[in-house]
Every structure is written in C-alpha cells, then in structure tokens.
Amino acid sequence: MNPETDGRLVERIEESTGGQVADVILEVMGNPQVRKEAFKSARRLGRVVLLGSPRGPVTVDFQDEVHTLSLRVIGTHTSSRPEAHTWWARWTAARNLDAFFRLVEVKRLETASMVTHRIPGTEAAKTFELLDREREETCAVVLDWTGVV
C-alpha cells in the first residue's frame, strides 16, 4: 500500500510517535488526499506547512480541523522566496538549494521514491506535456541523457 494515499496517514504518524500526532506537518507532494490528512495529523497549536503544488481540490473543515485546534497554516511557493538575504527573509533560493543538497548528501532526505517517470533526454519537450496532462500522478521526472552526445 502507498502510505501517501491509503488514508492511514494519521495512524502511521501515531504509530511512529507513540500515539501522538505531529508538532509540524510538512506537506510537500501536493497530493489532495495527503493534504486533507495533513490537517488531522497536527497536534493542537501545531503547524501545517503546505509546500507542494496542489494537484486537485481539497475540502477542509476549518472549524473542526483548523480553528478548534488553533493550527497555524503556512502556505509557501517558490515565487515567494527573496532573491537576496534580508533580516526578515533568510531563505533565498540559493540557501534552500544548499540545504536540500546537504540533506540528500548526508542521507537525511530520500529522493529516489519521488521519481515517478524516467524519460530519455531526447524527449525532454514531452515532459511538459506529461506534467500538464498527469499532474496528480507526476512528482519528479528524471531526464536520462545516457548515450546522448
């Protein structure tokens, strides 16, 4: 079963935390089912950070799933990052990339399971069609340039 879509996210979090829900939920995939469960997975006064590009509509009961729990919902998009470091916005695109690659390097972030498609580099233009046509099924696309001169 796929833990991202099998409807057991809250249960899986409780299993891994000894019966508690999370202080912070980072929803990075944009999967509508996971996004819906993200709100139920955060503790009272917790935070839900929505990073992934939404892949469809999500219905959230703000009274029961956000307001009553006093959740902080933080939406962010790559276009909101500042170009230069400031005292109020330290996370520039360059700093984000550096942090990402350091986490991958020290094996704190696993990325192989995010790859949903491998396409020959010579067919790169088709990637955009795929991303547009199969938004809900596509996460990361690897362009394979093996043998291309």
C-alpha atoms as a PDB file:
ATOM      1  CA  MET A   1       0.000   0.000   0.000  1.00  0.00           C
ATOM      2  CA  ASN A   2       1.094   3.531  -0.717  1.00  0.00           C
ATOM      3  CA  PRO A   3       1.324   5.466   2.597  1.00  0.00           C
ATOM      4  CA  GLU A   4       0.685   8.685   0.704  1.00  0.00           C
ATOM      5  CA  THR A   5      -2.767   7.676  -0.487  1.00  0.00           C
ATOM      6  CA  ASP A   6      -4.047   4.784   1.623  1.00  0.00           C
ATOM      7  CA  GLY A   7      -5.921   7.038   4.095  1.00  0.00           C
ATOM      8  CA  ARG A   8      -3.818   5.950   7.084  1.00  0.00           C
ATOM      9  CA  LEU A   9      -1.509   8.948   7.471  1.00  0.00           C
ATOM     10  CA  VAL A  10      -2.737   9.887  10.965  1.00  0.00           C
ATOM     11  CA  GLU A  11      -2.499   6.259  12.081  1.00  0.00           C
ATOM     12  CA  ARG A  12       1.026   5.926  10.674  1.00  0.00           C
ATOM     13  CA  ILE A  13       2.163   9.100  12.437  1.00  0.00           C
ATOM     14  CA  GLU A  14       0.664   7.898  15.720  1.00  0.00           C
ATOM     15  CA  GLU A  15       2.440   4.534  15.292  1.00  0.00           C
ATOM     16  CA  SER A  16       5.795   6.222  14.782  1.00  0.00           C
ATOM     17  CA  THR A  17       5.382   8.771  17.612  1.00  0.00           C
ATOM     18  CA  GLY A  18       3.993   6.561  20.371  1.00  0.00           C
ATOM     19  CA  GLY A  19       0.372   7.616  19.968  1.00  0.00           C
ATOM     20  CA  GLN A  20       0.884  11.316  19.387  1.00  0.00           C
ATOM     21  CA  VAL A  21       0.319  13.456  16.350  1.00  0.00           C
ATOM     22  CA  ALA A  22       2.948  15.816  14.993  1.00  0.00           C
ATOM     23  CA  ASP A  23       4.084  19.277  16.069  1.00  0.00           C
ATOM     24  CA  VAL A  24       4.739  20.225  12.446  1.00  0.00           C
ATOM     25  CA  ILE A  25       3.419  18.662   9.258  1.00  0.00           C
ATOM     26  CA  LEU A  26       5.262  19.425   6.014  1.00  0.00           C
ATOM     27  CA  GLU A  27       3.064  18.531   3.054  1.00  0.00           C
ATOM     28  CA  VAL A  28       5.389  18.576   0.068  1.00  0.00           C
ATOM     29  CA  MET A  29       3.789  16.343  -2.564  1.00  0.00           C
ATOM     30  CA  GLY A  30       0.587  18.238  -3.356  1.00  0.00           C
ATOM     31  CA  ASN A  31      -1.440  15.022  -3.190  1.00  0.00           C
ATOM     32  CA  PRO A  32      -5.047  16.046  -2.339  1.00  0.00           C
ATOM     33  CA  GLN A  33      -5.620  13.071  -0.002  1.00  0.00           C
ATOM     34  CA  VAL A  34      -2.382  13.686   1.896  1.00  0.00           C
ATOM     35  CA  ARG A  35      -3.103  17.409   2.080  1.00  0.00           C
ATOM     36  CA  LYS A  36      -6.513  16.683   3.622  1.00  0.00           C
ATOM     37  CA  GLU A  37      -4.990  14.296   6.162  1.00  0.00           C
ATOM     38  CA  ALA A  38      -2.212  16.764   6.990  1.00  0.00           C
ATOM     39  CA  PHE A  39      -4.655  18.911   8.956  1.00  0.00           C
ATOM     40  CA  LYS A  40      -5.767  15.900  11.018  1.00  0.00           C
ATOM     41  CA  SER A  41      -2.156  14.894  11.682  1.00  0.00           C
ATOM     42  CA  ALA A  42      -1.046  18.022  13.532  1.00  0.00           C
ATOM     43  CA  ARG A  43      -1.420  18.462  17.276  1.00  0.00           C
ATOM     44  CA  ARG A  44      -3.342  21.289  18.915  1.00  0.00           C
ATOM     45  CA  LEU A  45      -1.369  24.537  18.354  1.00  0.00           C
ATOM     46  CA  GLY A  46       0.666  22.706  15.710  1.00  0.00           C
ATOM     47  CA  ARG A  47       1.691  23.894  12.270  1.00  0.00           C
ATOM     48  CA  VAL A  48       0.787  22.649   8.804  1.00  0.00           C
ATOM     49  CA  VAL A  49       3.201  23.831   6.123  1.00  0.00           C
ATOM     50  CA  LEU A  50       1.918  23.465   2.566  1.00  0.00           C
ATOM     51  CA  LEU A  51       4.895  23.304   0.223  1.00  0.00           C
ATOM     52  CA  GLY A  52       3.768  21.001  -2.573  1.00  0.00           C
ATOM     53  CA  SER A  53       1.924  22.375  -5.562  1.00  0.00           C
ATOM     54  CA  PRO A  54      -1.719  21.308  -5.189  1.00  0.00           C
ATOM     55  CA  ARG A  55      -2.767  18.549  -7.567  1.00  0.00           C
ATOM     56  CA  GLY A  56      -6.502  18.983  -7.150  1.00  0.00           C
ATOM     57  CA  PRO A  57      -9.116  20.482  -4.848  1.00  0.00           C
ATOM     58  CA  VAL A  58      -9.142  19.731  -1.126  1.00  0.00           C
ATOM     59  CA  THR A  59     -12.059  20.305   1.215  1.00  0.00           C
ATOM     60  CA  VAL A  60     -11.067  21.204   4.778  1.00  0.00           C
ATOM     61  CA  ASP A  61     -13.477  21.812   7.652  1.00  0.00           C
ATOM     62  CA  PHE A  62     -11.767  24.900   9.039  1.00  0.00           C
ATOM     63  CA  GLN A  63     -13.923  24.905  12.189  1.00  0.00           C
ATOM     64  CA  ASP A  64     -13.067  21.367  13.308  1.00  0.00           C
ATOM     65  CA  GLU A  65      -9.720  20.788  11.596  1.00  0.00           C
ATOM     66  CA  VAL A  66      -8.028  24.196  11.906  1.00  0.00           C
ATOM     67  CA  HIS A  67      -9.810  26.733  14.115  1.00  0.00           C
ATOM     68  CA  THR A  68     -10.676  24.473  17.064  1.00  0.00           C
ATOM     69  CA  LEU A  69      -7.111  23.120  17.157  1.00  0.00           C
ATOM     70  CA  SER A  70      -5.605  26.614  16.758  1.00  0.00           C
ATOM     71  CA  LEU A  71      -3.435  25.336  13.922  1.00  0.00           C
ATOM     72  CA  ARG A  72      -1.086  27.617  12.070  1.00  0.00           C
ATOM     73  CA  VAL A  73      -1.353  27.021   8.340  1.00  0.00           C
ATOM     74  CA  ILE A  74       1.628  28.221   6.339  1.00  0.00           C
ATOM     75  CA  GLY A  75       1.430  28.248   2.575  1.00  0.00           C
ATOM     76  CA  THR A  76       4.546  28.885   0.573  1.00  0.00           C
ATOM     77  CA  HIS A  77       5.615  28.877  -3.035  1.00  0.00           C
ATOM     78  CA  THR A  78       8.954  29.133  -4.734  1.00  0.00           C
ATOM     79  CA  SER A  79       7.975  32.534  -6.126  1.00  0.00           C
ATOM     80  CA  SER A  80       7.758  33.944  -2.586  1.00  0.00           C
ATOM     81  CA  ARG A  81      11.456  33.435  -1.811  1.00  0.00           C
ATOM     82  CA  PRO A  82      13.522  36.601  -1.748  1.00  0.00           C
ATOM     83  CA  GLU A  83      16.385  36.996  -4.203  1.00  0.00           C
ATOM     84  CA  ALA A  84      18.693  38.351  -1.517  1.00  0.00           C
ATOM     85  CA  HIS A  85      19.135  37.537   2.168  1.00  0.00           C
ATOM     86  CA  THR A  86      17.385  40.016   4.473  1.00  0.00           C
ATOM     87  CA  TRP A  87      16.903  40.133   8.250  1.00  0.00           C
ATOM     88  CA  TRP A  88      13.271  39.056   7.853  1.00  0.00           C
ATOM     89  CA  ALA A  89      13.675  36.552   4.989  1.00  0.00           C
ATOM     90  CA  ARG A  90      16.843  34.494   5.207  1.00  0.00           C
ATOM     91  CA  TRP A  91      15.814  31.571   2.995  1.00  0.00           C
ATOM     92  CA  THR A  92      16.810  32.544  -0.528  1.00  0.00           C
ATOM     93  CA  ALA A  93      16.666  30.140  -3.477  1.00  0.00           C
ATOM     94  CA  ALA A  94      20.417  29.546  -3.160  1.00  0.00           C
ATOM     95  CA  ARG A  95      20.179  28.768   0.567  1.00  0.00           C
ATOM     96  CA  ASN A  96      17.225  26.410   0.000  1.00  0.00           C
ATOM     97  CA  LEU A  97      19.153  24.510  -2.665  1.00  0.00           C
ATOM     98  CA  ASP A  98      22.212  24.281  -0.465  1.00  0.00           C
ATOM     99  CA  ALA A  99      20.158  22.898   2.434  1.00  0.00           C
ATOM    100  CA  PHE A 100      18.387  20.420   0.140  1.00  0.00           C
ATOM    101  CA  PHE A 101      21.597  19.023  -1.324  1.00  0.00           C
ATOM    102  CA  ARG A 102      23.235  18.792   2.113  1.00  0.00           C
ATOM    103  CA  LEU A 103      20.269  16.756   3.399  1.00  0.00           C
ATOM    104  CA  VAL A 104      20.490  14.440   0.390  1.00  0.00           C
ATOM    105  CA  GLU A 105      24.267  14.132   0.799  1.00  0.00           C
ATOM    106  CA  VAL A 106      24.080  13.062   4.448  1.00  0.00           C
ATOM    107  CA  LYS A 107      21.148  10.738   3.636  1.00  0.00           C
ATOM    108  CA  ARG A 108      18.629  12.657   5.756  1.00  0.00           C
ATOM    109  CA  LEU A 109      16.373  13.102   2.745  1.00  0.00           C
ATOM    110  CA  GLU A 110      15.495  10.226   0.445  1.00  0.00           C
ATOM    111  CA  THR A 111      14.589  11.252  -3.083  1.00  0.00           C
ATOM    112  CA  ALA A 112      14.525   8.044  -5.153  1.00  0.00           C
ATOM    113  CA  SER A 113      10.915   7.257  -4.247  1.00  0.00           C
ATOM    114  CA  MET A 114       9.823  10.678  -5.532  1.00  0.00           C
ATOM    115  CA  VAL A 115      10.773   9.796  -9.110  1.00  0.00           C
ATOM    116  CA  THR A 116       7.588   8.866 -10.934  1.00  0.00           C
ATOM    117  CA  HIS A 117       8.896   8.998 -14.511  1.00  0.00           C
ATOM    118  CA  ARG A 118      12.146   8.483 -16.410  1.00  0.00           C
ATOM    119  CA  ILE A 119      12.224   9.977 -19.893  1.00  0.00           C
ATOM    120  CA  PRO A 120      15.022   9.920 -22.462  1.00  0.00           C
ATOM    121  CA  GLY A 121      16.623  13.361 -22.632  1.00  0.00           C
ATOM    122  CA  THR A 122      15.924  13.487 -26.351  1.00  0.00           C
ATOM    123  CA  GLU A 123      12.207  13.589 -25.467  1.00  0.00           C
ATOM    124  CA  ALA A 124      12.505  16.397 -22.906  1.00  0.00           C
ATOM    125  CA  ALA A 125       9.820  18.501 -24.576  1.00  0.00           C
ATOM    126  CA  LYS A 126       7.284  15.741 -23.838  1.00  0.00           C
ATOM    127  CA  THR A 127       7.974  16.212 -20.145  1.00  0.00           C
ATOM    128  CA  PHE A 128       5.973  19.430 -20.080  1.00  0.00           C
ATOM    129  CA  GLU A 129       3.020  17.722 -21.730  1.00  0.00           C
ATOM    130  CA  LEU A 130       3.260  14.936 -19.141  1.00  0.00           C
ATOM    131  CA  LEU A 131       3.395  17.406 -16.240  1.00  0.00           C
ATOM    132  CA  ASP A 132       0.341  19.202 -17.586  1.00  0.00           C
ATOM    133  CA  ARG A 133      -1.638  16.062 -18.502  1.00  0.00           C
ATOM    134  CA  GLU A 134      -0.828  13.897 -15.442  1.00  0.00           C
ATOM    135  CA  ARG A 135      -0.470  16.416 -12.620  1.00  0.00           C
ATOM    136  CA  GLU A 136      -1.767  14.079  -9.930  1.00  0.00           C
ATOM    137  CA  GLU A 137       0.448  11.160 -10.931  1.00  0.00           C
ATOM    138  CA  THR A 138       3.667  13.076 -11.576  1.00  0.00           C
ATOM    139  CA  CYS A 139       6.116  14.128  -8.886  1.00  0.00           C
ATOM    140  CA  ALA A 140       9.701  14.079 -10.131  1.00  0.00           C
ATOM    141  CA  VAL A 141      10.793  13.414 -13.689  1.00  0.00           C
ATOM    142  CA  VAL A 142      14.324  12.287 -14.484  1.00  0.00           C
ATOM    143  CA  LEU A 143      15.655  13.109 -17.924  1.00  0.00           C
ATOM    144  CA  ASP A 144      18.084  10.365 -18.933  1.00  0.00           C
ATOM    145  CA  TRP A 145      20.855  11.699 -21.154  1.00  0.00           C
ATOM    146  CA  THR A 146      22.749   8.400 -21.263  1.00  0.00           C
ATOM    147  CA  GLY A 147      24.261   7.911 -24.709  1.00  0.00           C
ATOM    148  CA  VAL A 148      23.296  11.391 -25.923  1.00  0.00           C
ATOM    149  CA  VAL A 149      26.262  13.304 -27.335  1.00  0.00           C
END
